Amino acid sequence: MQLSPSFEDQRLEPILEKVRAQQRLSPEDGLNLYRTNDLLGAGYLANLVRERLHGNVTYFNVNRHLNPTDVCVAACKLCAFGKKSKDPKAYTMSLDEVWHRAGEGYSEAVTEFHIVGGLHPELDIDWYAEMLRGLKQRFPKVHLKAFTMVEIAYFAKRFKTPIPEVLRRFREAGLDSMPGGGAEIFTERVRRIICDHKIDGSEWLEVARIAHKMGIKSNCTMLYGHIENEEDRVDHLVRLRELQDETSGFVTYIPLAFHPDNTPLEHVARTTGFMDLKNIAVARLMLDNIPHIKAYWIMMTPKIAQIAQRFGADDVDGTVVEEKIYHDAGAETSQGLRRNELLRLIREAGREPVERDTEYNRVERTESAFAILV
């Protein structure tokens, strides 16, 4: 006999029935989840789905972030990373510097380079292709996850090259998959305020659609905790879900907590742990067709990411080594975690840690590799 929980908010009762029947939640269900104060109830529901999909496993990887440049033609109010080319604090690595920086954080254990940067007004398409080619030549076993939908759309416009051709050139140079950044919030009203220099939500989804149909998988994200409301968040999740129905190209969804420090929106209060956990839970319940939900420890803090493993998340990201984008916006977390720290976080949450590669294949380590990583 299956016992029913006692919810503080009765609006969760019909959602429980849908979850048990494995029925898709409606936008109204999503709104009720965002509006409830019964966080434990929402977490209970999300954990049912999480454990149905992944059992007791929590995934992590050994990765390294690379940000080749912070020079950017956009001036998004949400961003503390991008700088104008004349800013004395701006930087652009040479190709040799990119390859050298990758090597600084590299060992035989690294399985992924995560590569994003600003929208540079002068670097050409050959520079980016050569960067990928050089990385793949030097680190042939490392998966290259590079360029957001925003970057690809910018390259296509600036280089007067169709998006499929940009992606084809990069794939031939070594691109394996794409990160999910730049989605922010799809609602036009919000996007006009926080990132009016970027492509709109429909264009972001179209770039993802083209990439997926070319066989290039990607992640997807949502930036929350700024000026958006519950309707905006639900609309965002539903549009991601609809594209996933069409392409099955999203591997992981990552809710990103907005960090307001050093941005024009620094008057906005930081997200709370309550909000962070709720966004994880709602995502797991609404995105029934996206396999993985990541609690990105860089933004949520390791402690919240750890608790999130009981609220719908099945991944904590990886070692990272050096993260710039969110630390420029005031993130106070470490810029990297060692493998043994990730193992401890996951085990203390009562989950089984499983090291993965970018495609969620299990990674088995030899004793010598463990010695490098601890």
Protein backbone atom coordinates (compact mmCIF):
# COMPACT_ATOMS: atom_id res chain seq x y z
CA MET A 1 0.00 0.00 0.00
CA GLN A 2 1.39 3.40 -1.06
CA LEU A 3 1.11 6.00 1.68
CA SER A 4 0.24 9.58 0.75
CA PRO A 5 2.13 12.49 2.27
CA SER A 6 0.36 15.25 4.13
CA PHE A 7 0.86 18.51 2.24
CA GLU A 8 0.58 21.91 3.89
CA ASP A 9 -0.66 23.26 0.54
CA GLN A 10 -3.59 21.32 -0.90
CA ARG A 11 -2.73 22.55 -4.40
CA LEU A 12 0.01 19.90 -4.39
CA GLU A 13 -2.45 17.01 -4.04
CA PRO A 14 -3.47 16.83 -7.74
CA ILE A 15 0.17 17.26 -8.73
CA LEU A 16 1.03 14.19 -6.66
CA GLU A 17 -1.56 12.18 -8.60
CA LYS A 18 -0.03 13.29 -11.89
CA VAL A 19 3.48 12.48 -10.69
CA ARG A 20 2.43 8.99 -9.63
CA ALA A 21 0.68 8.45 -12.96
CA GLN A 22 3.69 9.90 -14.82
CA GLN A 23 1.48 12.50 -16.48
CA ARG A 24 2.81 15.80 -17.81
CA LEU A 25 2.27 18.83 -15.57
CA SER A 26 0.42 21.84 -16.97
CA PRO A 27 1.56 25.47 -16.87
CA GLU A 28 -1.01 25.97 -14.08
CA ASP A 29 0.67 23.19 -12.12
CA GLY A 30 3.99 24.98 -12.60
CA LEU A 31 2.52 28.22 -11.27
CA ASN A 32 1.12 26.45 -8.22
CA LEU A 33 4.53 24.93 -7.52
CA TYR A 34 6.24 28.32 -7.77
CA ARG A 35 3.62 29.98 -5.58
CA THR A 36 3.52 27.41 -2.80
CA ASN A 37 5.35 27.92 0.46
CA ASP A 38 5.31 24.17 1.04
CA LEU A 39 8.91 23.69 -0.04
CA LEU A 40 9.19 20.27 1.56
CA GLY A 41 6.07 19.17 -0.29
CA ALA A 42 7.43 20.37 -3.63
CA GLY A 43 10.75 18.73 -2.83
CA TYR A 44 9.02 15.45 -1.99
CA LEU A 45 7.29 15.46 -5.39
CA ALA A 46 10.50 16.32 -7.24
CA ASN A 47 12.43 13.64 -5.39
CA LEU A 48 9.90 11.02 -6.49
CA VAL A 49 10.69 11.88 -10.11
CA ARG A 50 14.42 12.17 -9.48
CA GLU A 51 14.66 8.74 -7.86
CA ARG A 52 12.45 7.19 -10.53
CA LEU A 53 14.92 8.41 -13.16
CA HIS A 54 18.26 8.09 -11.37
CA GLY A 55 17.78 6.12 -8.18
CA ASN A 56 20.32 7.12 -5.56
CA VAL A 57 23.01 8.30 -7.98
CA THR A 58 24.43 11.85 -8.10
CA TYR A 59 26.71 12.67 -11.03
CA PHE A 60 29.80 14.90 -11.19
CA ASN A 61 32.67 15.34 -13.60
CA VAL A 62 36.28 16.48 -13.72
CA ASN A 63 36.17 19.54 -15.94
CA ARG A 64 37.94 22.82 -16.57
CA HIS A 65 36.38 26.16 -17.52
CA LEU A 66 38.06 28.33 -20.15
CA ASN A 67 37.00 31.93 -20.86
CA PRO A 68 39.21 33.12 -23.76
CA THR A 69 38.03 36.74 -23.64
CA ASP A 70 35.79 39.05 -21.63
CA VAL A 71 35.61 41.66 -24.40
CA CYS A 72 31.96 41.97 -25.45
CA VAL A 73 29.98 44.25 -27.74
CA ALA A 74 26.86 43.73 -25.63
CA ALA A 75 26.10 45.67 -22.47
CA CYS A 76 23.64 43.44 -20.66
CA LYS A 77 22.43 44.70 -17.29
CA LEU A 78 22.69 41.22 -15.82
CA CYS A 79 26.39 40.82 -16.62
CA ALA A 80 29.51 41.76 -14.66
CA PHE A 81 31.85 39.73 -16.88
CA GLY A 82 31.76 41.45 -20.29
CA LYS A 83 33.92 44.53 -20.88
CA LYS A 84 34.47 46.95 -23.74
CA SER A 85 37.67 46.54 -25.72
CA LYS A 86 39.09 49.85 -24.40
CA ASP A 87 38.54 48.90 -20.77
CA PRO A 88 41.99 48.58 -19.14
CA LYS A 89 40.76 45.52 -17.24
CA ALA A 90 39.59 43.71 -20.39
CA TYR A 91 41.55 40.73 -21.65
CA THR A 92 41.79 38.56 -24.75
CA MET A 93 44.03 35.52 -24.67
CA SER A 94 46.20 34.61 -27.61
CA LEU A 95 45.72 31.11 -28.99
CA ASP A 96 48.90 30.03 -27.26
CA GLU A 97 47.57 31.43 -23.99
CA VAL A 98 44.30 29.50 -24.37
CA TRP A 99 46.15 26.27 -25.01
CA HIS A 100 48.58 26.96 -22.17
CA ARG A 101 45.75 27.81 -19.73
CA ALA A 102 44.00 24.57 -20.66
CA GLY A 103 47.18 22.70 -19.89
CA GLU A 104 47.56 24.37 -16.49
CA GLY A 105 44.41 22.71 -15.26
CA TYR A 106 44.88 19.51 -17.20
CA SER A 107 45.70 16.01 -16.15
CA GLU A 108 44.75 12.68 -17.67
CA ALA A 109 41.68 12.92 -15.43
CA VAL A 110 40.06 15.94 -17.13
CA THR A 111 37.21 14.87 -19.41
CA GLU A 112 35.74 18.25 -20.45
CA PHE A 113 36.72 21.81 -21.35
CA HIS A 114 33.77 24.20 -20.90
CA ILE A 115 34.44 27.22 -23.15
CA VAL A 116 32.46 30.49 -23.26
CA GLY A 117 33.47 34.11 -23.68
CA GLY A 118 32.36 37.61 -24.63
CA LEU A 119 31.09 38.66 -28.06
CA HIS A 120 34.41 39.97 -29.36
CA PRO A 121 34.23 42.59 -32.15
CA GLU A 122 37.52 41.69 -33.85
CA LEU A 123 38.34 37.97 -33.55
CA ASP A 124 37.42 36.10 -36.74
CA ILE A 125 35.91 32.68 -37.31
CA ASP A 126 39.28 31.19 -38.17
CA TRP A 127 40.60 32.19 -34.73
CA TYR A 128 37.81 30.31 -32.98
CA ALA A 129 38.15 27.28 -35.24
CA GLU A 130 41.91 27.20 -34.68
CA MET A 131 41.38 27.46 -30.91
CA LEU A 132 39.20 24.35 -31.01
CA ARG A 133 41.54 22.55 -33.38
CA GLY A 134 44.54 23.29 -31.21
CA LEU A 135 42.78 22.09 -28.07
CA LYS A 136 41.68 18.86 -29.74
CA GLN A 137 45.19 18.23 -31.06
CA ARG A 138 46.78 18.79 -27.66
CA PHE A 139 44.04 17.09 -25.60
CA PRO A 140 42.42 14.57 -27.96
CA LYS A 141 40.47 12.73 -25.25
CA VAL A 142 38.89 15.87 -23.76
CA HIS A 143 35.31 16.72 -24.75
CA LEU A 144 35.00 20.31 -26.04
CA LYS A 145 31.76 21.92 -24.86
CA ALA A 146 31.94 25.37 -26.39
CA PHE A 147 29.95 28.46 -27.41
CA THR A 148 26.47 29.37 -26.21
CA MET A 149 23.54 29.90 -28.59
CA VAL A 150 24.17 33.63 -28.17
CA GLU A 151 27.77 33.30 -29.32
CA ILE A 152 26.84 31.16 -32.33
CA ALA A 153 24.15 33.63 -33.43
CA TYR A 154 26.65 36.50 -33.05
CA PHE A 155 29.28 34.67 -35.09
CA ALA A 156 26.75 33.98 -37.85
CA LYS A 157 25.77 37.66 -38.04
CA ARG A 158 29.26 39.08 -37.76
CA PHE A 159 30.88 36.64 -40.19
CA LYS A 160 27.89 36.75 -42.57
CA THR A 161 27.75 32.97 -42.42
CA PRO A 162 24.61 30.85 -41.92
CA ILE A 163 24.30 29.26 -38.49
CA PRO A 164 24.53 25.69 -39.84
CA GLU A 165 27.79 26.57 -41.60
CA VAL A 166 29.25 28.13 -38.44
CA LEU A 167 28.38 25.00 -36.51
CA ARG A 168 29.73 22.74 -39.27
CA ARG A 169 33.09 24.53 -39.26
CA PHE A 170 33.36 24.37 -35.49
CA ARG A 171 32.36 20.71 -35.39
CA GLU A 172 35.03 19.88 -37.96
CA ALA A 173 37.53 21.77 -35.79
CA GLY A 174 36.65 19.74 -32.69
CA LEU A 175 33.39 21.04 -31.17
CA ASP A 176 31.62 18.18 -29.40
CA SER A 177 28.64 19.85 -27.69
CA MET A 178 27.37 23.23 -26.48
CA PRO A 179 26.69 24.77 -23.05
CA GLY A 180 23.28 26.17 -22.23
CA GLY A 181 24.06 29.74 -21.20
CA GLY A 182 22.53 32.93 -22.56
CA ALA A 183 18.94 31.70 -22.35
CA GLU A 184 18.31 33.97 -19.34
CA ILE A 185 14.49 34.40 -19.46
CA PHE A 186 12.68 34.05 -22.79
CA THR A 187 9.89 36.54 -22.05
CA GLU A 188 10.37 39.59 -24.27
CA ARG A 189 9.28 42.05 -21.55
CA VAL A 190 12.05 40.89 -19.23
CA ARG A 191 14.65 40.37 -21.91
CA ARG A 192 14.32 43.96 -23.12
CA ILE A 193 15.43 45.12 -19.68
CA ILE A 194 18.11 42.65 -18.65
CA CYS A 195 19.74 41.67 -21.96
CA ASP A 196 18.39 43.72 -24.82
CA HIS A 197 21.71 43.43 -26.67
CA LYS A 198 21.33 39.66 -27.00
CA ILE A 199 19.25 37.57 -29.37
CA ASP A 200 15.65 37.12 -28.25
CA GLY A 201 14.23 33.96 -26.74
CA SER A 202 12.88 32.59 -30.02
CA GLU A 203 16.26 33.06 -31.68
CA TRP A 204 18.00 31.27 -28.80
CA LEU A 205 15.64 28.34 -29.24
CA GLU A 206 16.16 28.35 -33.01
CA VAL A 207 19.95 28.10 -32.68
CA ALA A 208 19.46 25.20 -30.27
CA ARG A 209 17.04 23.58 -32.74
CA ILE A 210 19.55 23.85 -35.59
CA ALA A 211 22.38 22.46 -33.45
CA HIS A 212 20.28 19.55 -32.19
CA LYS A 213 19.14 18.62 -35.70
CA MET A 214 22.80 18.56 -36.74
CA GLY A 215 23.47 16.06 -33.98
CA ILE A 216 25.11 18.57 -31.60
CA LYS A 217 23.73 18.12 -28.09
CA SER A 218 23.54 20.99 -25.61
CA ASN A 219 22.52 21.96 -22.13
CA CYS A 220 19.89 24.57 -21.32
CA THR A 221 19.49 27.12 -18.55
CA MET A 222 17.27 29.74 -16.96
CA LEU A 223 18.50 32.77 -15.03
CA TYR A 224 16.18 33.47 -12.11
CA GLY A 225 16.03 35.85 -9.17
CA HIS A 226 16.13 39.25 -10.91
CA ILE A 227 13.01 40.99 -12.29
CA GLU A 228 11.12 37.98 -13.65
CA ASN A 229 7.90 36.60 -12.14
CA GLU A 230 6.43 33.11 -11.78
CA GLU A 231 4.65 33.30 -15.16
CA ASP A 232 7.94 34.16 -16.88
CA ARG A 233 9.66 31.15 -15.31
CA VAL A 234 6.89 28.75 -16.24
CA ASP A 235 6.79 30.08 -19.80
CA HIS A 236 10.55 29.54 -20.05
CA LEU A 237 10.34 25.94 -18.83
CA VAL A 238 7.43 25.10 -21.12
CA ARG A 239 9.26 26.45 -24.17
CA LEU A 240 12.33 24.39 -23.32
CA ARG A 241 10.11 21.34 -22.87
CA GLU A 242 8.42 21.92 -26.22
CA LEU A 243 11.75 22.10 -28.05
CA GLN A 244 12.93 18.97 -26.27
CA ASP A 245 9.79 17.18 -27.50
CA GLU A 246 10.88 18.12 -31.01
CA THR A 247 14.65 17.48 -30.91
CA SER A 248 15.61 15.49 -27.77
CA GLY A 249 18.82 17.52 -27.88
CA PHE A 250 19.00 18.89 -24.33
CA VAL A 251 21.07 16.75 -21.98
CA THR A 252 20.94 18.77 -18.76
CA TYR A 253 18.98 21.73 -17.44
CA ILE A 254 20.74 24.14 -15.07
CA PRO A 255 18.79 26.80 -13.16
CA LEU A 256 21.16 29.71 -12.60
CA ALA A 257 20.76 32.00 -9.61
CA PHE A 258 21.29 35.67 -10.50
CA HIS A 259 24.25 37.34 -8.80
CA PRO A 260 23.61 41.11 -8.84
CA ASP A 261 26.93 42.43 -7.50
CA ASN A 262 28.91 44.62 -9.91
CA THR A 263 26.01 44.79 -12.38
CA PRO A 264 23.52 47.60 -13.13
CA LEU A 265 20.99 45.46 -11.24
CA GLU A 266 22.99 45.35 -8.03
CA HIS A 267 20.01 46.74 -6.12
CA VAL A 268 18.25 43.39 -6.61
CA ALA A 269 18.43 41.12 -3.56
CA ARG A 270 20.33 37.86 -3.90
CA THR A 271 18.36 34.66 -4.16
CA THR A 272 17.64 32.72 -0.98
CA GLY A 273 18.23 29.05 -0.36
CA PHE A 274 14.45 28.61 -0.37
CA MET A 275 14.22 30.05 -3.89
CA ASP A 276 17.19 28.03 -5.13
CA LEU A 277 15.74 24.74 -3.94
CA LYS A 278 12.29 25.57 -5.28
CA ASN A 279 13.72 26.25 -8.75
CA ILE A 280 15.43 22.87 -8.72
CA ALA A 281 12.23 21.12 -7.65
CA VAL A 282 9.95 22.86 -10.15
CA ALA A 283 12.40 22.17 -12.97
CA ARG A 284 12.51 18.45 -12.22
CA LEU A 285 8.72 18.28 -12.16
CA MET A 286 8.05 20.38 -15.27
CA LEU A 287 10.90 19.17 -17.50
CA ASP A 288 9.79 15.57 -17.75
CA ASN A 289 11.70 15.01 -21.02
CA ILE A 290 15.13 16.43 -20.04
CA PRO A 291 17.19 13.68 -18.42
CA HIS A 292 19.28 15.61 -15.91
CA ILE A 293 18.85 18.56 -13.54
CA LYS A 294 22.07 20.15 -12.30
CA ALA A 295 22.54 22.04 -9.04
CA TYR A 296 25.46 24.22 -10.12
CA TRP A 297 27.49 24.56 -6.93
CA ILE A 298 29.36 27.66 -8.19
CA MET A 299 26.16 29.70 -8.10
CA MET A 300 24.12 27.91 -5.44
CA THR A 301 27.04 27.24 -3.07
CA PRO A 302 28.18 23.69 -2.37
CA LYS A 303 25.85 23.45 0.64
CA ILE A 304 22.68 24.27 -1.31
CA ALA A 305 23.80 22.05 -4.20
CA GLN A 306 24.21 19.25 -1.69
CA ILE A 307 20.69 19.67 -0.27
CA ALA A 308 19.32 19.98 -3.82
CA GLN A 309 20.13 16.30 -4.34
CA ARG A 310 17.00 15.64 -2.26
CA PHE A 311 14.93 18.25 -4.15
CA GLY A 312 15.16 16.94 -7.71
CA ALA A 313 18.78 17.46 -8.78
CA ASP A 314 20.96 14.53 -9.83
CA ASP A 315 24.16 16.43 -10.71
CA VAL A 316 26.45 18.98 -8.99
CA ASP A 317 28.66 19.89 -12.01
CA GLY A 318 32.39 19.35 -11.59
CA THR A 319 35.79 20.49 -10.43
CA VAL A 320 35.67 23.64 -12.68
CA VAL A 321 39.24 24.75 -11.64
CA GLU A 322 38.74 28.44 -12.53
CA GLU A 323 35.38 30.17 -12.94
CA LYS A 324 35.25 33.84 -13.98
CA ILE A 325 31.76 34.81 -15.11
CA TYR A 326 29.85 34.46 -11.84
CA HIS A 327 32.78 35.42 -9.65
CA ASP A 328 32.96 38.74 -11.48
CA ALA A 329 29.34 39.15 -10.40
CA GLY A 330 30.17 38.62 -6.76
CA ALA A 331 29.98 34.87 -6.29
CA GLU A 332 31.72 34.06 -3.02
CA THR A 333 32.16 30.35 -3.64
CA SER A 334 35.53 28.80 -4.41
CA GLN A 335 36.58 28.90 -8.06
CA GLY A 336 37.09 25.16 -8.02
CA LEU A 337 36.57 22.04 -5.93
CA ARG A 338 38.75 18.98 -5.81
CA ARG A 339 37.33 15.58 -6.60
CA ASN A 340 37.41 14.37 -3.01
CA GLU A 341 35.42 17.44 -1.89
CA LEU A 342 32.68 16.63 -4.42
CA LEU A 343 32.65 13.02 -3.26
CA ARG A 344 32.19 14.13 0.36
CA LEU A 345 29.35 16.53 -0.49
CA ILE A 346 27.48 13.83 -2.38
CA ARG A 347 28.03 11.05 0.15
CA GLU A 348 26.97 13.21 3.08
CA ALA A 349 23.72 13.87 1.22
CA GLY A 350 23.15 10.11 1.28
CA ARG A 351 23.70 9.76 -2.46
CA GLU A 352 26.03 7.52 -4.46
CA PRO A 353 28.63 9.63 -6.31
CA VAL A 354 29.22 8.62 -9.92
CA GLU A 355 31.87 10.34 -12.00
CA ARG A 356 30.67 10.92 -15.55
CA ASP A 357 31.86 12.34 -18.82
CA THR A 358 29.88 15.03 -20.67
CA GLU A 359 27.59 12.41 -22.24
CA TYR A 360 26.90 10.82 -18.81
CA ASN A 361 28.97 7.72 -19.43
CA ARG A 362 30.52 6.43 -16.20
CA VAL A 363 34.22 7.18 -15.78
CA GLU A 364 36.28 4.52 -14.05
CA ARG A 365 39.52 5.61 -12.37
CA THR A 366 42.75 3.75 -11.71
CA GLU A 367 44.51 4.13 -8.37
CA SER A 368 47.12 6.41 -9.97
CA ALA A 369 44.39 8.69 -11.31
CA PHE A 370 42.79 8.89 -7.88
CA ALA A 371 46.13 10.03 -6.46
CA ILE A 372 46.20 12.93 -8.95
CA LEU A 373 42.68 14.06 -8.18
CA VAL A 374 42.39 13.99 -4.43
